[in-house]
Protein backbone atom coordinates (compact mmCIF):
# COMPACT_ATOMS: atom_id res chain seq x y z
CA UNK A 1 0.00 0.00 0.00
CA UNK A 2 1.26 3.48 -0.85
CA UNK A 3 1.57 6.30 1.66
CA UNK A 4 -0.80 9.22 1.30
CA UNK A 5 1.05 12.38 0.22
CA UNK A 6 1.48 14.98 2.94
CA UNK A 7 -0.20 17.63 0.77
CA UNK A 8 -3.41 15.58 0.63
CA UNK A 9 -3.37 15.11 4.41
CA UNK A 10 -3.02 18.87 4.86
CA UNK A 11 -5.88 19.56 2.47
CA UNK A 12 -8.11 17.10 4.33
CA UNK A 13 -7.23 18.75 7.65
CA UNK A 14 -8.06 22.15 6.20
CA UNK A 15 -11.32 20.82 4.79
CA UNK A 16 -12.27 19.37 8.19
CA UNK A 17 -11.61 22.73 9.86
CA UNK A 18 -13.82 24.49 7.31
CA UNK A 19 -16.60 21.94 7.85
CA UNK A 20 -16.53 22.60 11.60
CA UNK A 21 -16.83 26.34 10.96
CA UNK A 22 -19.70 25.76 8.53
CA UNK A 23 -21.64 23.65 11.03
CA UNK A 24 -21.05 26.23 13.78
CA UNK A 25 -22.28 29.01 11.50
CA UNK A 26 -25.35 27.00 10.44
CA UNK A 27 -26.29 26.28 14.07
CA UNK A 28 -25.93 29.98 14.91
CA UNK A 29 -28.18 30.92 11.98
CA UNK A 30 -30.70 28.26 13.02
CA UNK A 31 -30.93 29.69 16.55
CA UNK A 32 -31.29 33.23 15.22
CA UNK A 33 -34.11 32.21 12.85
CA UNK A 34 -35.94 30.26 15.56
CA UNK A 35 -35.64 33.27 17.93
CA UNK A 36 -37.71 35.23 15.41
CA UNK A 37 -40.40 32.57 15.58
CA UNK A 38 -39.76 31.11 12.14
CA UNK A 39 -39.37 27.33 12.16
CA UNK A 40 -36.17 26.43 10.32
CA UNK A 41 -38.03 23.56 8.67
CA UNK A 42 -40.02 26.22 6.78
CA UNK A 43 -36.79 27.25 5.08
CA UNK A 44 -35.70 23.74 4.16
CA UNK A 45 -38.68 22.35 2.27
CA UNK A 46 -41.63 23.57 0.27
CA UNK A 47 -45.33 22.99 0.82
CA UNK A 48 -48.33 23.43 -1.39
CA UNK A 49 -49.56 26.97 -0.66
CA UNK A 50 -53.10 25.99 -1.65
CA UNK A 51 -53.34 23.83 1.49
CA UNK A 52 -53.18 26.87 3.74
CA UNK A 53 -49.80 25.82 5.10
CA UNK A 54 -47.44 28.59 6.23
CA UNK A 55 -45.11 29.94 3.55
CA UNK A 56 -42.08 27.78 2.92
CA UNK A 57 -39.01 27.75 0.73
CA UNK A 58 -36.10 25.43 0.03
CA UNK A 59 -33.69 28.36 -0.15
CA UNK A 60 -31.76 27.50 3.02
CA UNK A 61 -31.40 23.89 1.89
CA UNK A 62 -30.07 25.10 -1.46
CA UNK A 63 -27.53 27.31 0.35
CA UNK A 64 -26.54 24.39 2.62
CA UNK A 65 -25.92 22.21 -0.43
CA UNK A 66 -24.28 24.98 -2.48
CA UNK A 67 -27.03 24.61 -5.09
CA UNK A 68 -27.92 28.28 -5.46
CA UNK A 69 -27.27 30.52 -8.44
CA UNK A 70 -28.15 33.84 -6.83
CA UNK A 71 -27.53 34.40 -3.11
CA UNK A 72 -29.55 37.63 -3.20
CA UNK A 73 -32.53 35.74 -4.61
CA UNK A 74 -32.14 32.99 -2.02
CA UNK A 75 -32.06 35.53 0.80
CA UNK A 76 -35.18 37.20 -0.63
CA UNK A 77 -36.98 33.85 -0.62
CA UNK A 78 -36.03 33.35 3.03
CA UNK A 79 -37.12 36.90 3.84
CA UNK A 80 -40.51 36.21 2.25
CA UNK A 81 -41.10 33.39 4.77
CA UNK A 82 -40.60 35.78 7.68
C-alpha atoms as a PDB file:
ATOM      1  CA  UNK A   1       0.000   0.000   0.000  1.00  0.00           C
ATOM      2  CA  UNK A   2       1.260   3.481  -0.853  1.00  0.00           C
ATOM      3  CA  UNK A   3       1.572   6.296   1.663  1.00  0.00           C
ATOM      4  CA  UNK A   4      -0.801   9.224   1.305  1.00  0.00           C
ATOM      5  CA  UNK A   5       1.053  12.378   0.215  1.00  0.00           C
ATOM      6  CA  UNK A   6       1.477  14.980   2.941  1.00  0.00           C
ATOM      7  CA  UNK A   7      -0.198  17.633   0.770  1.00  0.00           C
ATOM      8  CA  UNK A   8      -3.406  15.584   0.635  1.00  0.00           C
ATOM      9  CA  UNK A   9      -3.371  15.108   4.415  1.00  0.00           C
ATOM     10  CA  UNK A  10      -3.017  18.867   4.856  1.00  0.00           C
ATOM     11  CA  UNK A  11      -5.885  19.559   2.468  1.00  0.00           C
ATOM     12  CA  UNK A  12      -8.112  17.102   4.330  1.00  0.00           C
ATOM     13  CA  UNK A  13      -7.232  18.748   7.650  1.00  0.00           C
ATOM     14  CA  UNK A  14      -8.063  22.152   6.196  1.00  0.00           C
ATOM     15  CA  UNK A  15     -11.320  20.823   4.790  1.00  0.00           C
ATOM     16  CA  UNK A  16     -12.273  19.372   8.189  1.00  0.00           C
ATOM     17  CA  UNK A  17     -11.608  22.730   9.862  1.00  0.00           C
ATOM     18  CA  UNK A  18     -13.819  24.489   7.312  1.00  0.00           C
ATOM     19  CA  UNK A  19     -16.599  21.945   7.846  1.00  0.00           C
ATOM     20  CA  UNK A  20     -16.526  22.598  11.595  1.00  0.00           C
ATOM     21  CA  UNK A  21     -16.828  26.338  10.964  1.00  0.00           C
ATOM     22  CA  UNK A  22     -19.695  25.763   8.526  1.00  0.00           C
ATOM     23  CA  UNK A  23     -21.642  23.649  11.031  1.00  0.00           C
ATOM     24  CA  UNK A  24     -21.051  26.226  13.780  1.00  0.00           C
ATOM     25  CA  UNK A  25     -22.283  29.014  11.500  1.00  0.00           C
ATOM     26  CA  UNK A  26     -25.347  26.999  10.439  1.00  0.00           C
ATOM     27  CA  UNK A  27     -26.288  26.283  14.069  1.00  0.00           C
ATOM     28  CA  UNK A  28     -25.934  29.979  14.908  1.00  0.00           C
ATOM     29  CA  UNK A  29     -28.181  30.918  11.978  1.00  0.00           C
ATOM     30  CA  UNK A  30     -30.696  28.260  13.020  1.00  0.00           C
ATOM     31  CA  UNK A  31     -30.926  29.685  16.549  1.00  0.00           C
ATOM     32  CA  UNK A  32     -31.291  33.227  15.217  1.00  0.00           C
ATOM     33  CA  UNK A  33     -34.106  32.212  12.849  1.00  0.00           C
ATOM     34  CA  UNK A  34     -35.937  30.259  15.558  1.00  0.00           C
ATOM     35  CA  UNK A  35     -35.638  33.268  17.933  1.00  0.00           C
ATOM     36  CA  UNK A  36     -37.708  35.231  15.414  1.00  0.00           C
ATOM     37  CA  UNK A  37     -40.398  32.565  15.582  1.00  0.00           C
ATOM     38  CA  UNK A  38     -39.758  31.114  12.143  1.00  0.00           C
ATOM     39  CA  UNK A  39     -39.370  27.325  12.163  1.00  0.00           C
ATOM     40  CA  UNK A  40     -36.169  26.430  10.323  1.00  0.00           C
ATOM     41  CA  UNK A  41     -38.028  23.555   8.667  1.00  0.00           C
ATOM     42  CA  UNK A  42     -40.023  26.224   6.785  1.00  0.00           C
ATOM     43  CA  UNK A  43     -36.788  27.254   5.083  1.00  0.00           C
ATOM     44  CA  UNK A  44     -35.695  23.745   4.158  1.00  0.00           C
ATOM     45  CA  UNK A  45     -38.677  22.352   2.274  1.00  0.00           C
ATOM     46  CA  UNK A  46     -41.629  23.574   0.268  1.00  0.00           C
ATOM     47  CA  UNK A  47     -45.327  22.987   0.819  1.00  0.00           C
ATOM     48  CA  UNK A  48     -48.333  23.433  -1.388  1.00  0.00           C
ATOM     49  CA  UNK A  49     -49.563  26.970  -0.661  1.00  0.00           C
ATOM     50  CA  UNK A  50     -53.102  25.992  -1.647  1.00  0.00           C
ATOM     51  CA  UNK A  51     -53.338  23.826   1.487  1.00  0.00           C
ATOM     52  CA  UNK A  52     -53.185  26.867   3.743  1.00  0.00           C
ATOM     53  CA  UNK A  53     -49.796  25.823   5.100  1.00  0.00           C
ATOM     54  CA  UNK A  54     -47.440  28.585   6.227  1.00  0.00           C
ATOM     55  CA  UNK A  55     -45.115  29.944   3.550  1.00  0.00           C
ATOM     56  CA  UNK A  56     -42.082  27.778   2.922  1.00  0.00           C
ATOM     57  CA  UNK A  57     -39.008  27.747   0.727  1.00  0.00           C
ATOM     58  CA  UNK A  58     -36.102  25.432   0.032  1.00  0.00           C
ATOM     59  CA  UNK A  59     -33.687  28.361  -0.148  1.00  0.00           C
ATOM     60  CA  UNK A  60     -31.757  27.505   3.024  1.00  0.00           C
ATOM     61  CA  UNK A  61     -31.402  23.891   1.888  1.00  0.00           C
ATOM     62  CA  UNK A  62     -30.070  25.102  -1.460  1.00  0.00           C
ATOM     63  CA  UNK A  63     -27.529  27.306   0.349  1.00  0.00           C
ATOM     64  CA  UNK A  64     -26.540  24.387   2.617  1.00  0.00           C
ATOM     65  CA  UNK A  65     -25.922  22.212  -0.426  1.00  0.00           C
ATOM     66  CA  UNK A  66     -24.279  24.983  -2.479  1.00  0.00           C
ATOM     67  CA  UNK A  67     -27.028  24.609  -5.086  1.00  0.00           C
ATOM     68  CA  UNK A  68     -27.924  28.284  -5.458  1.00  0.00           C
ATOM     69  CA  UNK A  69     -27.268  30.516  -8.440  1.00  0.00           C
ATOM     70  CA  UNK A  70     -28.146  33.840  -6.828  1.00  0.00           C
ATOM     71  CA  UNK A  71     -27.529  34.403  -3.111  1.00  0.00           C
ATOM     72  CA  UNK A  72     -29.551  37.630  -3.197  1.00  0.00           C
ATOM     73  CA  UNK A  73     -32.531  35.741  -4.608  1.00  0.00           C
ATOM     74  CA  UNK A  74     -32.137  32.990  -2.021  1.00  0.00           C
ATOM     75  CA  UNK A  75     -32.057  35.532   0.803  1.00  0.00           C
ATOM     76  CA  UNK A  76     -35.176  37.196  -0.632  1.00  0.00           C
ATOM     77  CA  UNK A  77     -36.982  33.848  -0.620  1.00  0.00           C
ATOM     78  CA  UNK A  78     -36.025  33.346   3.033  1.00  0.00           C
ATOM     79  CA  UNK A  79     -37.121  36.899   3.844  1.00  0.00           C
ATOM     80  CA  UNK A  80     -40.510  36.213   2.254  1.00  0.00           C
ATOM     81  CA  UNK A  81     -41.101  33.388   4.771  1.00  0.00           C
ATOM     82  CA  UNK A  82     -40.597  35.781   7.678  1.00  0.00           C
END
